[in-house]
Amino acid sequence: MLSIAKATLRPSLARAFAAPATSMSLHTLPDLPYAYNALEPYISEAIMKLHHSKHHQAYVNGLNTAEQSYAKSPSVREKIALQSALKFNGGGHINHSLFWKNLSPTSADGGNLSDGPLKKAIERDFGSVEEFKKKFNAATVAIQGSGWGWLGYNSATKMLEIVTTANQDPLLSHTPIIGVDIWEHAFYLQYQNVKADYLTAIWNVVNFKEAEQRLAEATK
């Protein structure tokens, strides 16, 4: 089932997987494109190490286990029973693989949105970059429990839109351009329960170049 789902993913989702989607392959934890301490002071080394090596690894392990169980399941009933594990762990792997690329140290231009197609689209659809950030943070901080805040491209309206998803649900209604993890494991060690401070800080390390590349892929 997951191999079929991966075949239909948009390009930006498909390239998030660390291993090709085949019935015999195991998913693996992707390496970070920077050191664990590279996003300080905005995201601490302790958070990055725990988030990547423990939480993302758990989703990878859970996805491999669920896919193996699915392949061995003799009945439709048993396959249906595995859907929640596939969705949760598969979504966790997709979302986090995108998230790591979504971030960049300030020394590597993180937080800098240069003039170009992405900035132009944000200003067209939200009025200004600052207004976009304000609306994105408001929508994301309002998520009850755990989830993700997204800037997504709507292929039907040809517009950028702010969307939220619960738990580890991947963004399927839009092409993900920017995603922010609002699970407590993403911020609690540093920001405790003050989600607003975390959301304000993270814009300093958003990889807008990666986001612009995703937008270019989505609008081909």
C-alpha atoms as a PDB file:
ATOM      1  CA  MET A   1       0.000   0.000   0.000  1.00  0.00           C
ATOM      2  CA  LEU A   2       2.765   2.438   0.926  1.00  0.00           C
ATOM      3  CA  SER A   3       4.540   1.828  -2.372  1.00  0.00           C
ATOM      4  CA  ILE A   4       1.369   2.912  -4.180  1.00  0.00           C
ATOM      5  CA  ALA A   5       1.015   5.968  -1.948  1.00  0.00           C
ATOM      6  CA  LYS A   6       4.600   7.027  -2.563  1.00  0.00           C
ATOM      7  CA  ALA A   7       4.141   6.758  -6.297  1.00  0.00           C
ATOM      8  CA  THR A   8       1.405   9.405  -6.119  1.00  0.00           C
ATOM      9  CA  LEU A   9       3.240  11.841  -3.835  1.00  0.00           C
ATOM     10  CA  ARG A  10       4.145  15.238  -5.201  1.00  0.00           C
ATOM     11  CA  PRO A  11       7.856  15.673  -6.081  1.00  0.00           C
ATOM     12  CA  SER A  12       8.706  17.546  -2.887  1.00  0.00           C
ATOM     13  CA  LEU A  13       7.234  14.736  -0.793  1.00  0.00           C
ATOM     14  CA  ALA A  14       8.753  11.960  -2.869  1.00  0.00           C
ATOM     15  CA  ARG A  15      12.293  13.277  -2.492  1.00  0.00           C
ATOM     16  CA  ALA A  16      11.862  13.450   1.283  1.00  0.00           C
ATOM     17  CA  PHE A  17      12.237   9.699   1.604  1.00  0.00           C
ATOM     18  CA  ALA A  18      15.743   8.559   2.423  1.00  0.00           C
ATOM     19  CA  ALA A  19      15.333   5.258   0.560  1.00  0.00           C
ATOM     20  CA  PRO A  20      13.497   4.422  -2.672  1.00  0.00           C
ATOM     21  CA  ALA A  21      10.034   2.959  -2.194  1.00  0.00           C
ATOM     22  CA  THR A  22      10.309  -0.730  -3.020  1.00  0.00           C
ATOM     23  CA  SER A  23       8.694  -3.706  -1.394  1.00  0.00           C
ATOM     24  CA  MET A  24      12.106  -5.007  -0.188  1.00  0.00           C
ATOM     25  CA  SER A  25      13.731  -1.773   0.980  1.00  0.00           C
ATOM     26  CA  LEU A  26      13.825  -0.523   4.535  1.00  0.00           C
ATOM     27  CA  HIS A  27      13.413   3.154   5.314  1.00  0.00           C
ATOM     28  CA  THR A  28      16.407   4.745   7.006  1.00  0.00           C
ATOM     29  CA  LEU A  29      16.969   7.861   9.075  1.00  0.00           C
ATOM     30  CA  PRO A  30      18.285  10.613   6.785  1.00  0.00           C
ATOM     31  CA  ASP A  31      21.411  12.472   7.835  1.00  0.00           C
ATOM     32  CA  LEU A  32      20.966  16.095   8.805  1.00  0.00           C
ATOM     33  CA  PRO A  33      22.458  18.567   6.308  1.00  0.00           C
ATOM     34  CA  TYR A  34      24.070  20.441   9.239  1.00  0.00           C
ATOM     35  CA  ALA A  35      25.427  19.747  12.729  1.00  0.00           C
ATOM     36  CA  TYR A  36      23.120  19.313  15.719  1.00  0.00           C
ATOM     37  CA  ASN A  37      24.279  22.650  17.148  1.00  0.00           C
ATOM     38  CA  ALA A  38      24.096  24.556  13.857  1.00  0.00           C
ATOM     39  CA  LEU A  39      20.673  26.089  14.505  1.00  0.00           C
ATOM     40  CA  GLU A  40      21.554  27.608  17.874  1.00  0.00           C
ATOM     41  CA  PRO A  41      20.533  29.824  19.556  1.00  0.00           C
ATOM     42  CA  TYR A  42      17.125  29.416  17.930  1.00  0.00           C
ATOM     43  CA  ILE A  43      16.921  25.620  18.248  1.00  0.00           C
ATOM     44  CA  SER A  44      19.259  24.035  20.769  1.00  0.00           C
ATOM     45  CA  GLU A  45      21.654  21.172  20.141  1.00  0.00           C
ATOM     46  CA  ALA A  46      19.882  19.084  22.789  1.00  0.00           C
ATOM     47  CA  ILE A  47      16.531  19.449  21.016  1.00  0.00           C
ATOM     48  CA  MET A  48      17.961  18.656  17.602  1.00  0.00           C
ATOM     49  CA  LYS A  49      19.785  15.559  18.831  1.00  0.00           C
ATOM     50  CA  LEU A  50      16.725  14.198  20.630  1.00  0.00           C
ATOM     51  CA  HIS A  51      14.319  15.154  17.862  1.00  0.00           C
ATOM     52  CA  HIS A  52      16.370  13.620  15.055  1.00  0.00           C
ATOM     53  CA  SER A  53      18.092  10.600  16.594  1.00  0.00           C
ATOM     54  CA  LYS A  54      15.267   9.464  18.877  1.00  0.00           C
ATOM     55  CA  HIS A  55      11.883  10.732  17.672  1.00  0.00           C
ATOM     56  CA  HIS A  56      12.443  10.552  13.910  1.00  0.00           C
ATOM     57  CA  GLN A  57      14.225   7.220  14.318  1.00  0.00           C
ATOM     58  CA  ALA A  58      11.162   5.902  16.159  1.00  0.00           C
ATOM     59  CA  TYR A  59       8.933   6.817  13.204  1.00  0.00           C
ATOM     60  CA  VAL A  60      11.333   5.090  10.806  1.00  0.00           C
ATOM     61  CA  ASN A  61      11.351   1.959  12.948  1.00  0.00           C
ATOM     62  CA  GLY A  62       7.573   2.009  13.297  1.00  0.00           C
ATOM     63  CA  LEU A  63       7.077   2.444   9.565  1.00  0.00           C
ATOM     64  CA  ASN A  64       9.381  -0.461   8.724  1.00  0.00           C
ATOM     65  CA  THR A  65       7.591  -2.690  11.229  1.00  0.00           C
ATOM     66  CA  ALA A  66       4.152  -1.699   9.937  1.00  0.00           C
ATOM     67  CA  GLU A  67       5.107  -2.247   6.288  1.00  0.00           C
ATOM     68  CA  GLN A  68       6.622  -5.647   7.059  1.00  0.00           C
ATOM     69  CA  SER A  69       3.506  -6.664   8.984  1.00  0.00           C
ATOM     70  CA  TYR A  70       1.323  -5.409   6.146  1.00  0.00           C
ATOM     71  CA  ALA A  71       3.246  -7.475   3.599  1.00  0.00           C
ATOM     72  CA  LYS A  72       2.815 -10.600   5.708  1.00  0.00           C
ATOM     73  CA  SER A  73      -0.840 -10.027   6.606  1.00  0.00           C
ATOM     74  CA  PRO A  74      -3.003 -12.823   5.168  1.00  0.00           C
ATOM     75  CA  SER A  75      -6.317 -10.991   5.303  1.00  0.00           C
ATOM     76  CA  VAL A  76      -7.859  -7.677   4.323  1.00  0.00           C
ATOM     77  CA  ARG A  77      -9.054  -7.298   7.908  1.00  0.00           C
ATOM     78  CA  GLU A  78      -5.491  -7.394   9.233  1.00  0.00           C
ATOM     79  CA  LYS A  79      -4.289  -5.001   6.546  1.00  0.00           C
ATOM     80  CA  ILE A  80      -7.023  -2.525   7.468  1.00  0.00           C
ATOM     81  CA  ALA A  81      -6.001  -2.793  11.132  1.00  0.00           C
ATOM     82  CA  LEU A  82      -2.509  -1.622  10.197  1.00  0.00           C
ATOM     83  CA  GLN A  83      -3.669   1.574   8.487  1.00  0.00           C
ATOM     84  CA  SER A  84      -3.299   3.788  11.559  1.00  0.00           C
ATOM     85  CA  ALA A  85       0.281   2.619  12.190  1.00  0.00           C
ATOM     86  CA  LEU A  86       1.192   3.179   8.544  1.00  0.00           C
ATOM     87  CA  LYS A  87      -0.359   6.651   8.549  1.00  0.00           C
ATOM     88  CA  PHE A  88       1.192   7.745  11.849  1.00  0.00           C
ATOM     89  CA  ASN A  89       4.713   6.429  11.292  1.00  0.00           C
ATOM     90  CA  GLY A  90       4.726   7.062   7.544  1.00  0.00           C
ATOM     91  CA  GLY A  91       3.529  10.604   8.117  1.00  0.00           C
ATOM     92  CA  GLY A  92       6.126  11.116  10.827  1.00  0.00           C
ATOM     93  CA  HIS A  93       8.872  10.015   8.457  1.00  0.00           C
ATOM     94  CA  ILE A  94       7.633  12.153   5.556  1.00  0.00           C
ATOM     95  CA  ASN A  95       7.086  15.234   7.712  1.00  0.00           C
ATOM     96  CA  HIS A  96      10.420  15.106   9.514  1.00  0.00           C
ATOM     97  CA  SER A  97      12.389  14.364   6.341  1.00  0.00           C
ATOM     98  CA  LEU A  98      10.912  17.568   4.910  1.00  0.00           C
ATOM     99  CA  PHE A  99      11.392  19.479   8.163  1.00  0.00           C
ATOM    100  CA  TRP A 100      15.168  18.963   8.383  1.00  0.00           C
ATOM    101  CA  LYS A 101      15.620  20.344   4.866  1.00  0.00           C
ATOM    102  CA  ASN A 102      13.245  23.140   5.791  1.00  0.00           C
ATOM    103  CA  LEU A 103      15.831  24.521   8.228  1.00  0.00           C
ATOM    104  CA  SER A 104      19.253  26.067   7.680  1.00  0.00           C
ATOM    105  CA  PRO A 105      21.844  27.756   9.910  1.00  0.00           C
ATOM    106  CA  THR A 106      21.971  31.540   9.768  1.00  0.00           C
ATOM    107  CA  SER A 107      25.563  31.170   8.539  1.00  0.00           C
ATOM    108  CA  ALA A 108      24.166  29.379   5.477  1.00  0.00           C
ATOM    109  CA  ASP A 109      21.522  32.019   4.760  1.00  0.00           C
ATOM    110  CA  GLY A 110      18.876  30.548   7.062  1.00  0.00           C
ATOM    111  CA  GLY A 111      16.063  32.990   7.722  1.00  0.00           C
ATOM    112  CA  ASN A 112      16.847  35.081   4.654  1.00  0.00           C
ATOM    113  CA  LEU A 113      14.071  35.397   2.086  1.00  0.00           C
ATOM    114  CA  SER A 114      15.613  37.021  -0.975  1.00  0.00           C
ATOM    115  CA  ASP A 115      13.690  38.641  -3.794  1.00  0.00           C
ATOM    116  CA  GLY A 116      12.361  35.946  -6.092  1.00  0.00           C
ATOM    117  CA  PRO A 117       9.327  33.795  -6.944  1.00  0.00           C
ATOM    118  CA  LEU A 118       8.623  32.701  -3.358  1.00  0.00           C
ATOM    119  CA  LYS A 119       8.732  36.182  -1.872  1.00  0.00           C
ATOM    120  CA  LYS A 120       6.616  37.500  -4.721  1.00  0.00           C
ATOM    121  CA  ALA A 121       4.009  34.747  -4.208  1.00  0.00           C
ATOM    122  CA  ILE A 122       3.888  35.348  -0.444  1.00  0.00           C
ATOM    123  CA  GLU A 123       3.378  39.081  -0.935  1.00  0.00           C
ATOM    124  CA  ARG A 124       0.695  38.410  -3.545  1.00  0.00           C
ATOM    125  CA  ASP A 125      -1.260  35.970  -1.376  1.00  0.00           C
ATOM    126  CA  PHE A 126      -0.725  37.463   2.105  1.00  0.00           C
ATOM    127  CA  GLY A 127       0.085  41.128   1.539  1.00  0.00           C
ATOM    128  CA  SER A 128       3.583  41.025   3.012  1.00  0.00           C
ATOM    129  CA  VAL A 129       6.118  38.584   4.433  1.00  0.00           C
ATOM    130  CA  GLU A 130       5.494  39.830   7.977  1.00  0.00           C
ATOM    131  CA  GLU A 131       1.734  39.450   7.579  1.00  0.00           C
ATOM    132  CA  PHE A 132       2.270  35.895   6.324  1.00  0.00           C
ATOM    133  CA  LYS A 133       4.414  35.007   9.348  1.00  0.00           C
ATOM    134  CA  LYS A 134       1.820  36.515  11.694  1.00  0.00           C
ATOM    135  CA  LYS A 135      -1.015  34.499  10.133  1.00  0.00           C
ATOM    136  CA  PHE A 136       1.070  31.316   9.983  1.00  0.00           C
ATOM    137  CA  ASN A 137       2.062  31.578  13.647  1.00  0.00           C
ATOM    138  CA  ALA A 138      -1.507  32.312  14.731  1.00  0.00           C
ATOM    139  CA  ALA A 139      -2.866  29.279  12.895  1.00  0.00           C
ATOM    140  CA  THR A 140      -0.094  26.984  14.121  1.00  0.00           C
ATOM    141  CA  VAL A 141      -0.136  28.048  17.773  1.00  0.00           C
ATOM    142  CA  ALA A 142      -3.900  27.386  17.801  1.00  0.00           C
ATOM    143  CA  ILE A 143      -3.429  23.669  17.043  1.00  0.00           C
ATOM    144  CA  GLN A 144      -4.882  21.688  19.920  1.00  0.00           C
ATOM    145  CA  GLY A 145      -2.463  19.002  21.012  1.00  0.00           C
ATOM    146  CA  SER A 146       0.191  18.031  18.486  1.00  0.00           C
ATOM    147  CA  GLY A 147       0.439  18.716  14.782  1.00  0.00           C
ATOM    148  CA  TRP A 148       2.075  20.686  11.994  1.00  0.00           C
ATOM    149  CA  GLY A 149       1.706  24.128  10.488  1.00  0.00           C
ATOM    150  CA  TRP A 150       2.183  24.375   6.733  1.00  0.00           C
ATOM    151  CA  LEU A 151       2.584  26.827   3.938  1.00  0.00           C
ATOM    152  CA  GLY A 152       1.174  24.842   1.044  1.00  0.00           C
ATOM    153  CA  TYR A 153       0.646  25.421  -2.640  1.00  0.00           C
ATOM    154  CA  ASN A 154      -2.913  24.800  -3.815  1.00  0.00           C
ATOM    155  CA  SER A 155      -2.714  23.529  -7.398  1.00  0.00           C
ATOM    156  CA  ALA A 156      -6.410  24.264  -7.952  1.00  0.00           C
ATOM    157  CA  THR A 157      -6.316  27.939  -6.936  1.00  0.00           C
ATOM    158  CA  LYS A 158      -2.622  28.464  -7.883  1.00  0.00           C
ATOM    159  CA  MET A 159      -2.164  30.160  -4.522  1.00  0.00           C
ATOM    160  CA  LEU A 160      -0.128  29.706  -1.363  1.00  0.00           C
ATOM    161  CA  GLU A 161      -2.285  28.845   1.640  1.00  0.00           C
ATOM    162  CA  ILE A 162      -1.732  28.223   5.356  1.00  0.00           C
ATOM    163  CA  VAL A 163      -2.884  24.766   6.430  1.00  0.00           C
ATOM    164  CA  THR A 164      -2.586  22.724   9.630  1.00  0.00           C
ATOM    165  CA  THR A 165      -2.583  18.966  10.117  1.00  0.00           C
ATOM    166  CA  ALA A 166      -3.094  16.970  13.298  1.00  0.00           C
ATOM    167  CA  ASN A 167      -0.638  14.516  14.829  1.00  0.00           C
ATOM    168  CA  GLN A 168       1.735  13.240  12.124  1.00  0.00           C
ATOM    169  CA  ASP A 169      -0.726  13.509   9.246  1.00  0.00           C
ATOM    170  CA  PRO A 170       1.184  14.526   6.113  1.00  0.00           C
ATOM    171  CA  LEU A 171      -0.040  17.400   3.983  1.00  0.00           C
ATOM    172  CA  LEU A 172      -1.803  15.775   1.019  1.00  0.00           C
ATOM    173  CA  SER A 173      -4.253  18.491  -0.042  1.00  0.00           C
ATOM    174  CA  HIS A 174      -1.449  20.887  -0.991  1.00  0.00           C
ATOM    175  CA  THR A 175       2.186  20.710  -1.997  1.00  0.00           C
ATOM    176  CA  PRO A 176       4.167  21.447   1.195  1.00  0.00           C
ATOM    177  CA  ILE A 177       6.406  24.483   0.826  1.00  0.00           C
ATOM    178  CA  ILE A 178       7.253  25.150   4.500  1.00  0.00           C
ATOM    179  CA  GLY A 179       6.331  22.909   7.428  1.00  0.00           C
ATOM    180  CA  VAL A 180       6.768  23.567  11.144  1.00  0.00           C
ATOM    181  CA  ASP A 181       6.581  20.828  13.764  1.00  0.00           C
ATOM    182  CA  ILE A 182       4.489  21.916  16.751  1.00  0.00           C
ATOM    183  CA  TRP A 183       4.848  18.676  18.733  1.00  0.00           C
ATOM    184  CA  GLU A 184       6.306  19.394  22.178  1.00  0.00           C
ATOM    185  CA  HIS A 185       9.431  17.367  21.413  1.00  0.00           C
ATOM    186  CA  ALA A 186      10.325  20.039  18.833  1.00  0.00           C
ATOM    187  CA  PHE A 187      10.572  22.884  21.359  1.00  0.00           C
ATOM    188  CA  TYR A 188       9.800  22.008  24.991  1.00  0.00           C
ATOM    189  CA  LEU A 189      13.372  21.598  26.273  1.00  0.00           C
ATOM    190  CA  GLN A 190      14.121  25.179  25.238  1.00  0.00           C
ATOM    191  CA  TYR A 191      10.825  27.041  25.114  1.00  0.00           C
ATOM    192  CA  GLN A 192       8.797  24.947  27.586  1.00  0.00           C
ATOM    193  CA  ASN A 193       5.094  25.584  26.977  1.00  0.00           C
ATOM    194  CA  VAL A 194       5.528  28.918  25.178  1.00  0.00           C
ATOM    195  CA  LYS A 195       4.773  27.853  21.617  1.00  0.00           C
ATOM    196  CA  ALA A 196       4.611  31.461  20.422  1.00  0.00           C
ATOM    197  CA  ASP A 197       8.280  32.066  21.288  1.00  0.00           C
ATOM    198  CA  TYR A 198       9.335  28.929  19.417  1.00  0.00           C
ATOM    199  CA  LEU A 199       7.338  29.961  16.363  1.00  0.00           C
ATOM    200  CA  THR A 200       8.844  33.439  16.416  1.00  0.00           C
ATOM    201  CA  ALA A 201      12.368  32.044  16.714  1.00  0.00           C
ATOM    202  CA  ILE A 202      12.135  29.399  14.021  1.00  0.00           C
ATOM    203  CA  TRP A 203      11.812  31.941  11.197  1.00  0.00           C
ATOM    204  CA  ASN A 204      15.455  32.830  11.840  1.00  0.00           C
ATOM    205  CA  VAL A 205      16.502  29.401  10.571  1.00  0.00           C
ATOM    206  CA  VAL A 206      13.918  28.632   7.885  1.00  0.00           C
ATOM    207  CA  ASN A 207      15.554  27.531   4.647  1.00  0.00           C
ATOM    208  CA  PHE A 208      13.730  29.765   2.191  1.00  0.00           C
ATOM    209  CA  LYS A 209      15.927  28.554  -0.672  1.00  0.00           C
ATOM    210  CA  GLU A 210      14.605  25.015  -0.150  1.00  0.00           C
ATOM    211  CA  ALA A 211      11.068  26.393   0.091  1.00  0.00           C
ATOM    212  CA  GLU A 212      11.501  28.268  -3.171  1.00  0.00           C
ATOM    213  CA  GLN A 213      12.744  25.096  -4.838  1.00  0.00           C
ATOM    214  CA  ARG A 214       9.623  23.248  -3.671  1.00  0.00           C
ATOM    215  CA  LEU A 215       7.451  26.025  -5.063  1.00  0.00           C
ATOM    216  CA  ALA A 216       9.269  25.831  -8.405  1.00  0.00           C
ATOM    217  CA  GLU A 217       8.642  22.070  -8.557  1.00  0.00           C
ATOM    218  CA  ALA A 218       4.971  22.536  -7.671  1.00  0.00           C
ATOM    219  CA  THR A 219       4.365  25.166 -10.350  1.00  0.00           C
ATOM    220  CA  LYS A 220       6.108  23.456 -13.275  1.00  0.00           C
END
